[in-house]
């Protein structure tokens, strides 16, 4: 794991296509702006864990259902 210190409005670059900018700092909270291509999945950890749990039970995550509906439309 890499730990980086950043101040407000400073950016971290991940590869060529992803940037993470610290937009706000407050007591115990950091607000980040993430700029990434649309085809790169981006989830908060608690949401990702729910997606994994749903996959284990056979219930597809909502975005998978939406993708299938979009594909059916054409």
N, C-alpha and C. Protein backbone atom coordinates (compact mmCIF):
# COMPACT_ATOMS: atom_id res chain seq x y z
N UNK A 1 0.85 -1.18 0.00
CA UNK A 1 0.00 0.00 0.00
C UNK A 1 0.89 1.23 0.00
N UNK A 2 0.50 2.20 -0.78
CA UNK A 2 1.21 3.47 -0.87
C UNK A 2 0.39 4.53 -0.14
N UNK A 3 1.00 5.24 0.78
CA UNK A 3 0.34 6.33 1.48
C UNK A 3 0.89 7.65 0.97
N UNK A 4 0.00 8.55 0.59
CA UNK A 4 0.40 9.85 0.07
C UNK A 4 -0.28 10.95 0.87
N UNK A 5 0.45 11.98 1.18
CA UNK A 5 -0.12 13.14 1.86
C UNK A 5 -0.45 14.20 0.80
N UNK A 6 -1.63 14.75 0.88
CA UNK A 6 -2.06 15.78 -0.06
C UNK A 6 -2.76 16.88 0.71
N UNK A 7 -2.65 18.09 0.22
CA UNK A 7 -3.37 19.23 0.77
C UNK A 7 -4.57 19.52 -0.12
N UNK A 8 -5.43 20.42 0.35
CA UNK A 8 -6.62 20.79 -0.42
C UNK A 8 -6.21 21.26 -1.82
N UNK A 9 -6.94 20.78 -2.80
CA UNK A 9 -6.76 21.09 -4.22
C UNK A 9 -5.52 20.45 -4.85
N UNK A 10 -4.84 19.57 -4.12
CA UNK A 10 -3.74 18.81 -4.71
C UNK A 10 -4.28 17.51 -5.28
N UNK A 11 -3.58 16.98 -6.27
CA UNK A 11 -4.08 15.85 -7.05
C UNK A 11 -3.11 14.68 -7.02
N UNK A 12 -3.69 13.50 -7.11
CA UNK A 12 -2.94 12.26 -7.29
C UNK A 12 -3.36 11.70 -8.64
N UNK A 13 -2.41 11.25 -9.42
CA UNK A 13 -2.70 10.66 -10.73
C UNK A 13 -2.47 9.16 -10.66
N UNK A 14 -3.43 8.40 -11.19
CA UNK A 14 -3.33 6.94 -11.27
C UNK A 14 -3.29 6.59 -12.75
N UNK A 15 -2.13 6.18 -13.22
CA UNK A 15 -1.96 5.92 -14.64
C UNK A 15 -2.16 7.19 -15.44
N UNK A 16 -2.57 7.03 -16.69
CA UNK A 16 -2.77 8.18 -17.57
C UNK A 16 -4.18 8.75 -17.51
N UNK A 17 -5.14 7.97 -17.02
CA UNK A 17 -6.53 8.34 -17.21
C UNK A 17 -7.30 8.70 -15.94
N UNK A 18 -6.70 8.53 -14.76
CA UNK A 18 -7.46 8.74 -13.52
C UNK A 18 -6.75 9.77 -12.65
N UNK A 19 -7.52 10.75 -12.17
CA UNK A 19 -6.99 11.71 -11.20
C UNK A 19 -7.92 11.74 -9.99
N UNK A 20 -7.31 11.95 -8.83
CA UNK A 20 -8.04 12.09 -7.57
C UNK A 20 -7.57 13.39 -6.94
N UNK A 21 -8.51 14.32 -6.73
CA UNK A 21 -8.17 15.63 -6.18
C UNK A 21 -8.86 15.81 -4.84
N UNK A 22 -8.13 16.29 -3.85
CA UNK A 22 -8.69 16.61 -2.55
C UNK A 22 -9.41 17.95 -2.71
N UNK A 23 -10.73 17.96 -2.52
CA UNK A 23 -11.49 19.19 -2.71
C UNK A 23 -11.87 19.88 -1.41
N UNK A 24 -11.99 19.09 -0.33
CA UNK A 24 -12.35 19.70 0.95
C UNK A 24 -11.83 18.85 2.09
N UNK A 25 -11.38 19.51 3.12
CA UNK A 25 -10.94 18.86 4.35
C UNK A 25 -11.74 19.44 5.50
N UNK A 26 -12.26 18.57 6.35
CA UNK A 26 -12.93 19.03 7.56
C UNK A 26 -12.66 18.00 8.65
N UNK A 27 -13.12 18.25 9.83
CA UNK A 27 -12.84 17.34 10.95
C UNK A 27 -13.29 15.93 10.63
N UNK A 28 -12.33 15.06 10.42
CA UNK A 28 -12.65 13.66 10.20
C UNK A 28 -13.18 13.31 8.83
N UNK A 29 -13.26 14.27 7.91
CA UNK A 29 -13.81 14.01 6.58
C UNK A 29 -12.90 14.60 5.51
N UNK A 30 -12.82 13.89 4.42
CA UNK A 30 -12.10 14.36 3.24
C UNK A 30 -13.05 14.20 2.06
N UNK A 31 -13.18 15.22 1.24
CA UNK A 31 -13.98 15.13 0.03
C UNK A 31 -13.03 15.04 -1.15
N UNK A 32 -13.25 14.02 -1.98
CA UNK A 32 -12.39 13.77 -3.13
C UNK A 32 -13.17 13.92 -4.42
N UNK A 33 -12.52 14.44 -5.44
CA UNK A 33 -13.08 14.47 -6.79
C UNK A 33 -12.29 13.47 -7.61
N UNK A 34 -12.98 12.50 -8.20
CA UNK A 34 -12.32 11.47 -9.00
C UNK A 34 -12.72 11.67 -10.45
N UNK A 35 -11.73 11.80 -11.31
CA UNK A 35 -11.97 11.91 -12.74
C UNK A 35 -11.42 10.65 -13.39
N UNK A 36 -12.32 9.83 -13.93
CA UNK A 36 -11.93 8.55 -14.52
C UNK A 36 -12.81 8.27 -15.73
N UNK A 37 -12.33 7.45 -16.66
CA UNK A 37 -13.16 7.08 -17.80
C UNK A 37 -14.43 6.37 -17.34
N UNK A 38 -15.49 6.48 -18.10
CA UNK A 38 -16.77 5.87 -17.74
C UNK A 38 -16.69 4.36 -17.62
N UNK A 39 -15.75 3.74 -18.33
CA UNK A 39 -15.67 2.28 -18.29
C UNK A 39 -14.88 1.76 -17.09
N UNK A 40 -14.41 2.65 -16.23
CA UNK A 40 -13.70 2.25 -15.01
C UNK A 40 -14.70 2.26 -13.86
N UNK A 41 -15.00 1.08 -13.28
CA UNK A 41 -15.93 1.05 -12.15
C UNK A 41 -15.34 1.79 -10.95
N UNK A 42 -16.15 2.55 -10.26
CA UNK A 42 -15.70 3.30 -9.10
C UNK A 42 -16.78 3.21 -8.03
N UNK A 43 -16.44 2.63 -6.88
CA UNK A 43 -17.40 2.42 -5.81
C UNK A 43 -16.80 2.84 -4.47
N UNK A 44 -17.64 3.31 -3.56
CA UNK A 44 -17.22 3.41 -2.16
C UNK A 44 -17.09 1.98 -1.66
N UNK A 45 -16.21 1.74 -0.71
CA UNK A 45 -15.94 0.38 -0.24
C UNK A 45 -17.20 -0.33 0.25
N UNK A 46 -18.07 0.37 0.99
CA UNK A 46 -19.26 -0.28 1.53
C UNK A 46 -20.22 -0.69 0.40
N UNK A 47 -20.27 0.07 -0.67
CA UNK A 47 -21.10 -0.30 -1.81
C UNK A 47 -20.50 -1.50 -2.53
N UNK A 48 -19.19 -1.50 -2.70
CA UNK A 48 -18.52 -2.63 -3.35
C UNK A 48 -18.75 -3.92 -2.58
N UNK A 49 -18.70 -3.86 -1.25
CA UNK A 49 -18.94 -5.05 -0.43
C UNK A 49 -20.36 -5.56 -0.62
N UNK A 50 -21.34 -4.65 -0.76
CA UNK A 50 -22.72 -5.07 -1.02
C UNK A 50 -22.85 -5.74 -2.39
N UNK A 51 -22.13 -5.23 -3.37
CA UNK A 51 -22.14 -5.83 -4.70
C UNK A 51 -21.59 -7.25 -4.63
N UNK A 52 -20.47 -7.42 -3.92
CA UNK A 52 -19.89 -8.76 -3.77
C UNK A 52 -20.84 -9.70 -3.06
N UNK A 53 -21.49 -9.22 -2.00
CA UNK A 53 -22.43 -10.06 -1.25
C UNK A 53 -23.61 -10.45 -2.14
N UNK A 54 -24.10 -9.52 -2.93
CA UNK A 54 -25.22 -9.82 -3.83
C UNK A 54 -24.81 -10.85 -4.87
N UNK A 55 -23.60 -10.76 -5.36
CA UNK A 55 -23.11 -11.73 -6.35
C UNK A 55 -23.04 -13.13 -5.75
N UNK A 56 -22.66 -13.22 -4.48
CA UNK A 56 -22.57 -14.52 -3.82
C UNK A 56 -23.95 -15.17 -3.65
N UNK A 57 -24.98 -14.35 -3.50
CA UNK A 57 -26.33 -14.89 -3.30
C UNK A 57 -27.08 -15.05 -4.62
N UNK A 58 -26.45 -14.66 -5.72
CA UNK A 58 -27.09 -14.80 -7.02
C UNK A 58 -27.96 -13.63 -7.42
N UNK A 59 -27.99 -12.58 -6.62
CA UNK A 59 -28.74 -11.38 -6.96
C UNK A 59 -27.79 -10.41 -7.66
N UNK A 60 -27.99 -10.15 -8.95
CA UNK A 60 -27.05 -9.28 -9.65
C UNK A 60 -27.14 -7.85 -9.15
N UNK A 61 -26.02 -7.15 -9.10
CA UNK A 61 -26.04 -5.74 -8.72
C UNK A 61 -26.90 -4.95 -9.71
N UNK A 62 -27.45 -3.85 -9.26
CA UNK A 62 -28.36 -3.05 -10.08
C UNK A 62 -27.72 -2.63 -11.39
N UNK A 63 -26.44 -2.22 -11.37
CA UNK A 63 -25.84 -1.74 -12.62
C UNK A 63 -25.74 -2.86 -13.65
N UNK A 64 -25.64 -4.12 -13.22
CA UNK A 64 -25.61 -5.23 -14.16
C UNK A 64 -26.98 -5.38 -14.81
N UNK A 65 -28.03 -5.26 -14.02
CA UNK A 65 -29.39 -5.34 -14.55
C UNK A 65 -29.62 -4.19 -15.54
N UNK A 66 -29.18 -2.98 -15.19
CA UNK A 66 -29.35 -1.84 -16.09
C UNK A 66 -28.59 -2.05 -17.39
N UNK A 67 -27.37 -2.59 -17.32
CA UNK A 67 -26.59 -2.87 -18.53
C UNK A 67 -27.31 -3.85 -19.43
N UNK A 68 -27.91 -4.89 -18.83
CA UNK A 68 -28.64 -5.88 -19.62
C UNK A 68 -29.87 -5.25 -20.27
N UNK A 69 -30.56 -4.36 -19.56
CA UNK A 69 -31.72 -3.68 -20.14
C UNK A 69 -31.30 -2.79 -21.30
N UNK A 70 -30.18 -2.07 -21.13
CA UNK A 70 -29.67 -1.22 -22.21
C UNK A 70 -29.32 -2.06 -23.44
N UNK A 71 -28.71 -3.22 -23.23
CA UNK A 71 -28.33 -4.09 -24.34
C UNK A 71 -29.57 -4.61 -25.07
N UNK A 72 -30.63 -4.89 -24.32
CA UNK A 72 -31.86 -5.39 -24.93
C UNK A 72 -32.54 -4.32 -25.79
N UNK A 73 -32.35 -3.05 -25.39
CA UNK A 73 -32.96 -1.96 -26.15
C UNK A 73 -32.23 -1.69 -27.46
N UNK A 74 -31.01 -2.18 -27.54
CA UNK A 74 -30.46 -2.03 -28.81
C UNK A 74 -29.19 -1.54 -29.13
